[in-house]
Amino acid sequence: MKIIKLIFIATLLFSFSNANSNSSSKVLEPLSKTKFRIIDKDKGIVQDVDLKGQEFIVVSVREPGSDGRFYAVDRDGIVWWTGIITSGADDYKTPSGIYTVLRKKRHYMSKKYPDEDGVNNMDFAIFFTNQGHALHMGSVNWMSHGCIHIAPKDIPVIYNWAKIGETKVVITRKSYMPFAKDDLIKFGFR
């Protein structure tokens, strides 16, 4: 029994350290409105990706050096919508990377972190990882368990626009505002 407990604890520690190293080993840096550099520090790989001609949502997580905002970018590379977000708290960091929208659920209750009151706590969910990370309606006043909380006034617009299997979700820990600012001013955002 003692050996089983030790194996279990070792497995938990290994899983926890792996989860943390995977999420922080990738750096995603915006180079322009549609170009991004992915740096995988563990593998020593640098890759430039151009999303020109694709619809995508850039999420600049709420951390120092980032914007704490999402940006919707259309196929022409025009940033047409933005809003405030919150992202994963220190122990639940949202993973950096470029993902594809996997599925959407208009009404959804988290299986891992259900609301005690039985109220759906992930409405307008746009899932982008198989681990359950999603953009969804939530309070922009507190951090999440790894998802991206978007304000109730903004999430229906993004939910209806995003397409399963097509729209990309770009998670970065860098500022995207320098590339978005001119478009947003044209659309009346201040």
C-alpha atoms as a PDB file:
ATOM      1  CA  MET A   1       0.000   0.000   0.000  1.00  0.00           C
ATOM      2  CA  LYS A   2       2.865   2.378   0.823  1.00  0.00           C
ATOM      3  CA  ILE A   3       4.432   1.775  -2.603  1.00  0.00           C
ATOM      4  CA  ILE A   4       1.128   2.493  -4.357  1.00  0.00           C
ATOM      5  CA  LYS A   5       0.833   5.819  -2.485  1.00  0.00           C
ATOM      6  CA  LEU A   6       4.404   6.771  -3.448  1.00  0.00           C
ATOM      7  CA  ILE A   7       3.774   5.909  -7.098  1.00  0.00           C
ATOM      8  CA  PHE A   8       0.545   7.924  -7.037  1.00  0.00           C
ATOM      9  CA  ILE A   9       2.291  10.970  -5.503  1.00  0.00           C
ATOM     10  CA  ALA A  10       5.196  10.707  -7.950  1.00  0.00           C
ATOM     11  CA  THR A  11       2.737  10.516 -10.864  1.00  0.00           C
ATOM     12  CA  LEU A  12       0.889  13.604  -9.622  1.00  0.00           C
ATOM     13  CA  LEU A  13       4.118  15.567  -9.214  1.00  0.00           C
ATOM     14  CA  PHE A  14       5.323  14.535 -12.669  1.00  0.00           C
ATOM     15  CA  SER A  15       1.987  15.445 -14.252  1.00  0.00           C
ATOM     16  CA  PHE A  16       1.900  18.813 -12.499  1.00  0.00           C
ATOM     17  CA  SER A  17       5.456  19.730 -13.490  1.00  0.00           C
ATOM     18  CA  ASN A  18       4.829  18.577 -17.071  1.00  0.00           C
ATOM     19  CA  ALA A  19       1.656  20.633 -17.330  1.00  0.00           C
ATOM     20  CA  ASN A  20       3.416  23.757 -16.128  1.00  0.00           C
ATOM     21  CA  SER A  21       6.476  23.311 -18.330  1.00  0.00           C
ATOM     22  CA  ASN A  22       4.377  22.697 -21.437  1.00  0.00           C
ATOM     23  CA  SER A  23       2.328  25.846 -21.003  1.00  0.00           C
ATOM     24  CA  SER A  24       5.324  28.089 -20.351  1.00  0.00           C
ATOM     25  CA  SER A  25       7.729  26.500 -22.843  1.00  0.00           C
ATOM     26  CA  LYS A  26       5.942  28.117 -25.810  1.00  0.00           C
ATOM     27  CA  VAL A  27       6.215  31.817 -26.510  1.00  0.00           C
ATOM     28  CA  LEU A  28       3.917  33.282 -29.140  1.00  0.00           C
ATOM     29  CA  GLU A  29       4.912  36.718 -30.346  1.00  0.00           C
ATOM     30  CA  PRO A  30       2.841  38.879 -32.730  1.00  0.00           C
ATOM     31  CA  LEU A  31       4.978  40.203 -35.610  1.00  0.00           C
ATOM     32  CA  SER A  32       2.174  41.980 -37.516  1.00  0.00           C
ATOM     33  CA  LYS A  33      -1.620  41.819 -37.717  1.00  0.00           C
ATOM     34  CA  THR A  34      -1.504  38.337 -39.260  1.00  0.00           C
ATOM     35  CA  LYS A  35       2.024  37.045 -38.576  1.00  0.00           C
ATOM     36  CA  PHE A  36       3.147  35.318 -35.390  1.00  0.00           C
ATOM     37  CA  ARG A  37       6.370  33.726 -34.190  1.00  0.00           C
ATOM     38  CA  ILE A  38       6.117  30.561 -32.096  1.00  0.00           C
ATOM     39  CA  ILE A  39       9.193  29.793 -30.012  1.00  0.00           C
ATOM     40  CA  ASP A  40       9.276  26.372 -28.353  1.00  0.00           C
ATOM     41  CA  LYS A  41      11.980  26.798 -25.722  1.00  0.00           C
ATOM     42  CA  ASP A  42      12.040  23.088 -24.794  1.00  0.00           C
ATOM     43  CA  LYS A  43      12.549  21.872 -28.364  1.00  0.00           C
ATOM     44  CA  GLY A  44      14.570  24.859 -29.565  1.00  0.00           C
ATOM     45  CA  ILE A  45      12.190  25.386 -32.501  1.00  0.00           C
ATOM     46  CA  VAL A  46      11.242  28.766 -33.965  1.00  0.00           C
ATOM     47  CA  GLN A  47       8.360  28.882 -36.436  1.00  0.00           C
ATOM     48  CA  ASP A  48       6.731  31.849 -38.168  1.00  0.00           C
ATOM     49  CA  VAL A  49       3.032  31.496 -38.994  1.00  0.00           C
ATOM     50  CA  ASP A  50       0.990  33.788 -41.252  1.00  0.00           C
ATOM     51  CA  LEU A  51      -2.794  33.652 -40.774  1.00  0.00           C
ATOM     52  CA  LYS A  52      -3.486  35.945 -43.751  1.00  0.00           C
ATOM     53  CA  GLY A  53      -6.764  34.964 -45.421  1.00  0.00           C
ATOM     54  CA  GLN A  54      -8.089  33.265 -42.263  1.00  0.00           C
ATOM     55  CA  GLU A  55     -10.455  34.391 -39.518  1.00  0.00           C
ATOM     56  CA  PHE A  56      -8.907  34.366 -36.063  1.00  0.00           C
ATOM     57  CA  ILE A  57      -9.273  35.598 -32.516  1.00  0.00           C
ATOM     58  CA  VAL A  58      -6.159  36.909 -30.813  1.00  0.00           C
ATOM     59  CA  VAL A  59      -6.220  36.698 -27.025  1.00  0.00           C
ATOM     60  CA  SER A  60      -3.583  38.778 -25.293  1.00  0.00           C
ATOM     61  CA  VAL A  61      -3.913  37.251 -21.821  1.00  0.00           C
ATOM     62  CA  ARG A  62      -4.254  39.317 -18.662  1.00  0.00           C
ATOM     63  CA  GLU A  63      -0.652  39.294 -17.452  1.00  0.00           C
ATOM     64  CA  PRO A  64       2.102  41.934 -17.258  1.00  0.00           C
ATOM     65  CA  GLY A  65       3.245  42.845 -20.790  1.00  0.00           C
ATOM     66  CA  SER A  66      -0.078  41.789 -22.337  1.00  0.00           C
ATOM     67  CA  ASP A  67      -3.302  43.650 -23.111  1.00  0.00           C
ATOM     68  CA  GLY A  68      -5.954  41.623 -21.259  1.00  0.00           C
ATOM     69  CA  ARG A  69      -8.093  41.799 -24.421  1.00  0.00           C
ATOM     70  CA  PHE A  70      -9.360  39.692 -27.298  1.00  0.00           C
ATOM     71  CA  TYR A  71      -9.314  40.877 -30.916  1.00  0.00           C
ATOM     72  CA  ALA A  72     -11.459  39.464 -33.746  1.00  0.00           C
ATOM     73  CA  VAL A  73      -9.655  39.547 -37.105  1.00  0.00           C
ATOM     74  CA  ASP A  74     -11.458  38.857 -40.386  1.00  0.00           C
ATOM     75  CA  ARG A  75     -10.122  37.169 -43.548  1.00  0.00           C
ATOM     76  CA  ASP A  76      -8.925  40.535 -44.881  1.00  0.00           C
ATOM     77  CA  GLY A  77      -6.764  41.077 -41.791  1.00  0.00           C
ATOM     78  CA  ILE A  78      -9.079  43.751 -40.364  1.00  0.00           C
ATOM     79  CA  VAL A  79      -9.453  43.861 -36.581  1.00  0.00           C
ATOM     80  CA  TRP A  80     -13.198  44.498 -36.263  1.00  0.00           C
ATOM     81  CA  TRP A  81     -14.021  43.742 -32.598  1.00  0.00           C
ATOM     82  CA  THR A  82     -12.284  43.804 -29.232  1.00  0.00           C
ATOM     83  CA  GLY A  83     -13.152  43.420 -25.577  1.00  0.00           C
ATOM     84  CA  ILE A  84     -11.707  42.926 -22.120  1.00  0.00           C
ATOM     85  CA  ILE A  85     -10.930  39.399 -20.952  1.00  0.00           C
ATOM     86  CA  THR A  86      -9.574  37.512 -17.999  1.00  0.00           C
ATOM     87  CA  SER A  87      -7.463  34.405 -18.418  1.00  0.00           C
ATOM     88  CA  GLY A  88      -5.995  31.636 -16.298  1.00  0.00           C
ATOM     89  CA  ALA A  89      -4.813  32.452 -12.779  1.00  0.00           C
ATOM     90  CA  ASP A  90      -1.186  31.708 -11.875  1.00  0.00           C
ATOM     91  CA  ASP A  91      -1.868  28.048 -11.049  1.00  0.00           C
ATOM     92  CA  TYR A  92      -4.069  27.587 -14.151  1.00  0.00           C
ATOM     93  CA  LYS A  93      -2.304  29.507 -16.920  1.00  0.00           C
ATOM     94  CA  THR A  94      -3.991  29.470 -20.319  1.00  0.00           C
ATOM     95  CA  PRO A  95      -1.635  27.702 -22.763  1.00  0.00           C
ATOM     96  CA  SER A  96       0.026  29.844 -25.453  1.00  0.00           C
ATOM     97  CA  GLY A  97      -0.321  28.726 -29.057  1.00  0.00           C
ATOM     98  CA  ILE A  98      -2.418  28.780 -32.196  1.00  0.00           C
ATOM     99  CA  TYR A  99      -5.499  26.553 -32.031  1.00  0.00           C
ATOM    100  CA  THR A 100      -8.537  25.817 -34.182  1.00  0.00           C
ATOM    101  CA  VAL A 101     -12.090  26.107 -32.819  1.00  0.00           C
ATOM    102  CA  LEU A 102     -13.019  22.491 -31.993  1.00  0.00           C
ATOM    103  CA  ARG A 103     -16.626  22.860 -30.895  1.00  0.00           C
ATOM    104  CA  LYS A 104     -19.141  25.351 -29.578  1.00  0.00           C
ATOM    105  CA  LYS A 105     -21.849  25.008 -26.914  1.00  0.00           C
ATOM    106  CA  ARG A 106     -24.413  27.757 -26.365  1.00  0.00           C
ATOM    107  CA  HIS A 107     -25.316  26.497 -22.860  1.00  0.00           C
ATOM    108  CA  TYR A 108     -22.625  24.633 -20.947  1.00  0.00           C
ATOM    109  CA  MET A 109     -21.703  23.665 -17.390  1.00  0.00           C
ATOM    110  CA  SER A 110     -18.046  22.941 -16.638  1.00  0.00           C
ATOM    111  CA  LYS A 111     -17.534  19.299 -15.773  1.00  0.00           C
ATOM    112  CA  LYS A 112     -14.264  19.992 -13.977  1.00  0.00           C
ATOM    113  CA  TYR A 113     -15.362  23.158 -12.123  1.00  0.00           C
ATOM    114  CA  PRO A 114     -19.179  23.054 -11.917  1.00  0.00           C
ATOM    115  CA  ASP A 115     -21.057  25.929 -10.313  1.00  0.00           C
ATOM    116  CA  GLU A 116     -22.421  24.992  -6.870  1.00  0.00           C
ATOM    117  CA  ASP A 117     -25.778  26.570  -7.739  1.00  0.00           C
ATOM    118  CA  GLY A 118     -26.183  24.391 -10.820  1.00  0.00           C
ATOM    119  CA  VAL A 119     -26.096  27.426 -13.097  1.00  0.00           C
ATOM    120  CA  ASN A 120     -24.330  27.103 -16.457  1.00  0.00           C
ATOM    121  CA  ASN A 121     -20.949  28.712 -15.924  1.00  0.00           C
ATOM    122  CA  MET A 122     -19.526  28.469 -19.458  1.00  0.00           C
ATOM    123  CA  ASP A 123     -22.306  29.784 -21.711  1.00  0.00           C
ATOM    124  CA  PHE A 124     -21.334  30.671 -25.295  1.00  0.00           C
ATOM    125  CA  ALA A 125     -18.365  28.269 -24.977  1.00  0.00           C
ATOM    126  CA  ILE A 126     -15.923  28.181 -27.894  1.00  0.00           C
ATOM    127  CA  PHE A 127     -13.590  25.248 -27.156  1.00  0.00           C
ATOM    128  CA  PHE A 128     -10.061  25.393 -28.562  1.00  0.00           C
ATOM    129  CA  THR A 129      -8.248  22.531 -26.745  1.00  0.00           C
ATOM    130  CA  ASN A 130      -9.190  18.946 -25.966  1.00  0.00           C
ATOM    131  CA  GLN A 131      -8.372  19.687 -22.306  1.00  0.00           C
ATOM    132  CA  GLY A 132     -11.453  21.936 -22.082  1.00  0.00           C
ATOM    133  CA  HIS A 133      -9.950  25.413 -22.588  1.00  0.00           C
ATOM    134  CA  ALA A 134     -12.555  27.720 -24.081  1.00  0.00           C
ATOM    135  CA  LEU A 135     -13.525  31.299 -24.686  1.00  0.00           C
ATOM    136  CA  HIS A 136     -16.823  31.780 -22.849  1.00  0.00           C
ATOM    137  CA  MET A 137     -19.058  34.248 -21.055  1.00  0.00           C
ATOM    138  CA  GLY A 138     -17.652  35.043 -17.638  1.00  0.00           C
ATOM    139  CA  SER A 139     -16.702  37.757 -15.239  1.00  0.00           C
ATOM    140  CA  VAL A 140     -13.850  39.948 -16.411  1.00  0.00           C
ATOM    141  CA  ASN A 141     -13.211  40.846 -12.767  1.00  0.00           C
ATOM    142  CA  TRP A 142     -11.537  37.614 -11.683  1.00  0.00           C
ATOM    143  CA  MET A 143      -9.131  35.127 -13.214  1.00  0.00           C
ATOM    144  CA  SER A 144     -10.165  31.676 -14.462  1.00  0.00           C
ATOM    145  CA  HIS A 145      -9.113  28.021 -14.237  1.00  0.00           C
ATOM    146  CA  GLY A 146      -7.473  28.391 -17.677  1.00  0.00           C
ATOM    147  CA  CYS A 147     -10.354  29.517 -19.877  1.00  0.00           C
ATOM    148  CA  ILE A 148     -10.800  32.975 -21.366  1.00  0.00           C
ATOM    149  CA  HIS A 149     -13.655  34.932 -19.758  1.00  0.00           C
ATOM    150  CA  ILE A 150     -15.322  37.386 -22.139  1.00  0.00           C
ATOM    151  CA  ALA A 151     -17.882  39.987 -21.045  1.00  0.00           C
ATOM    152  CA  PRO A 152     -21.595  39.219 -21.653  1.00  0.00           C
ATOM    153  CA  LYS A 153     -21.913  42.091 -24.165  1.00  0.00           C
ATOM    154  CA  ASP A 154     -19.069  40.756 -26.370  1.00  0.00           C
ATOM    155  CA  ILE A 155     -19.275  36.955 -26.281  1.00  0.00           C
ATOM    156  CA  PRO A 156     -22.504  36.499 -28.336  1.00  0.00           C
ATOM    157  CA  VAL A 157     -20.915  38.422 -31.231  1.00  0.00           C
ATOM    158  CA  ILE A 158     -17.765  36.279 -31.191  1.00  0.00           C
ATOM    159  CA  TYR A 159     -19.712  33.045 -30.608  1.00  0.00           C
ATOM    160  CA  ASN A 160     -21.935  33.634 -33.649  1.00  0.00           C
ATOM    161  CA  TRP A 161     -18.969  34.641 -35.845  1.00  0.00           C
ATOM    162  CA  ALA A 162     -16.521  31.825 -34.951  1.00  0.00           C
ATOM    163  CA  LYS A 163     -16.673  28.746 -37.171  1.00  0.00           C
ATOM    164  CA  ILE A 164     -15.910  25.212 -35.970  1.00  0.00           C
ATOM    165  CA  GLY A 165     -12.875  23.774 -37.732  1.00  0.00           C
ATOM    166  CA  GLU A 166     -11.986  27.093 -39.366  1.00  0.00           C
ATOM    167  CA  THR A 167     -11.573  30.016 -36.974  1.00  0.00           C
ATOM    168  CA  LYS A 168      -8.221  30.085 -35.204  1.00  0.00           C
ATOM    169  CA  VAL A 169      -7.636  31.104 -31.592  1.00  0.00           C
ATOM    170  CA  VAL A 170      -4.238  32.700 -30.954  1.00  0.00           C
ATOM    171  CA  ILE A 171      -3.166  32.857 -27.300  1.00  0.00           C
ATOM    172  CA  THR A 172      -0.239  35.198 -26.613  1.00  0.00           C
ATOM    173  CA  ARG A 173       1.411  36.739 -23.573  1.00  0.00           C
ATOM    174  CA  LYS A 174       2.508  39.753 -25.617  1.00  0.00           C
ATOM    175  CA  SER A 175       0.686  42.943 -26.593  1.00  0.00           C
ATOM    176  CA  TYR A 176      -1.310  42.908 -29.846  1.00  0.00           C
ATOM    177  CA  MET A 177      -2.734  46.445 -29.522  1.00  0.00           C
ATOM    178  CA  PRO A 178      -0.010  48.122 -31.649  1.00  0.00           C
ATOM    179  CA  PHE A 179      -1.241  46.086 -34.647  1.00  0.00           C
ATOM    180  CA  ALA A 180      -4.968  46.496 -33.886  1.00  0.00           C
ATOM    181  CA  LYS A 181      -5.170  50.158 -32.864  1.00  0.00           C
ATOM    182  CA  ASP A 182      -5.704  51.792 -36.289  1.00  0.00           C
ATOM    183  CA  ASP A 183      -8.495  49.378 -37.289  1.00  0.00           C
ATOM    184  CA  LEU A 184     -10.238  49.740 -33.940  1.00  0.00           C
ATOM    185  CA  ILE A 185     -10.238  53.527 -34.164  1.00  0.00           C
ATOM    186  CA  LYS A 186     -11.953  53.241 -37.587  1.00  0.00           C
ATOM    187  CA  PHE A 187     -14.659  51.045 -36.005  1.00  0.00           C
ATOM    188  CA  GLY A 188     -15.239  53.566 -33.211  1.00  0.00           C
ATOM    189  CA  PHE A 189     -13.403  51.791 -30.366  1.00  0.00           C
ATOM    190  CA  ARG A 190     -11.534  54.190 -28.091  1.00  0.00           C
END
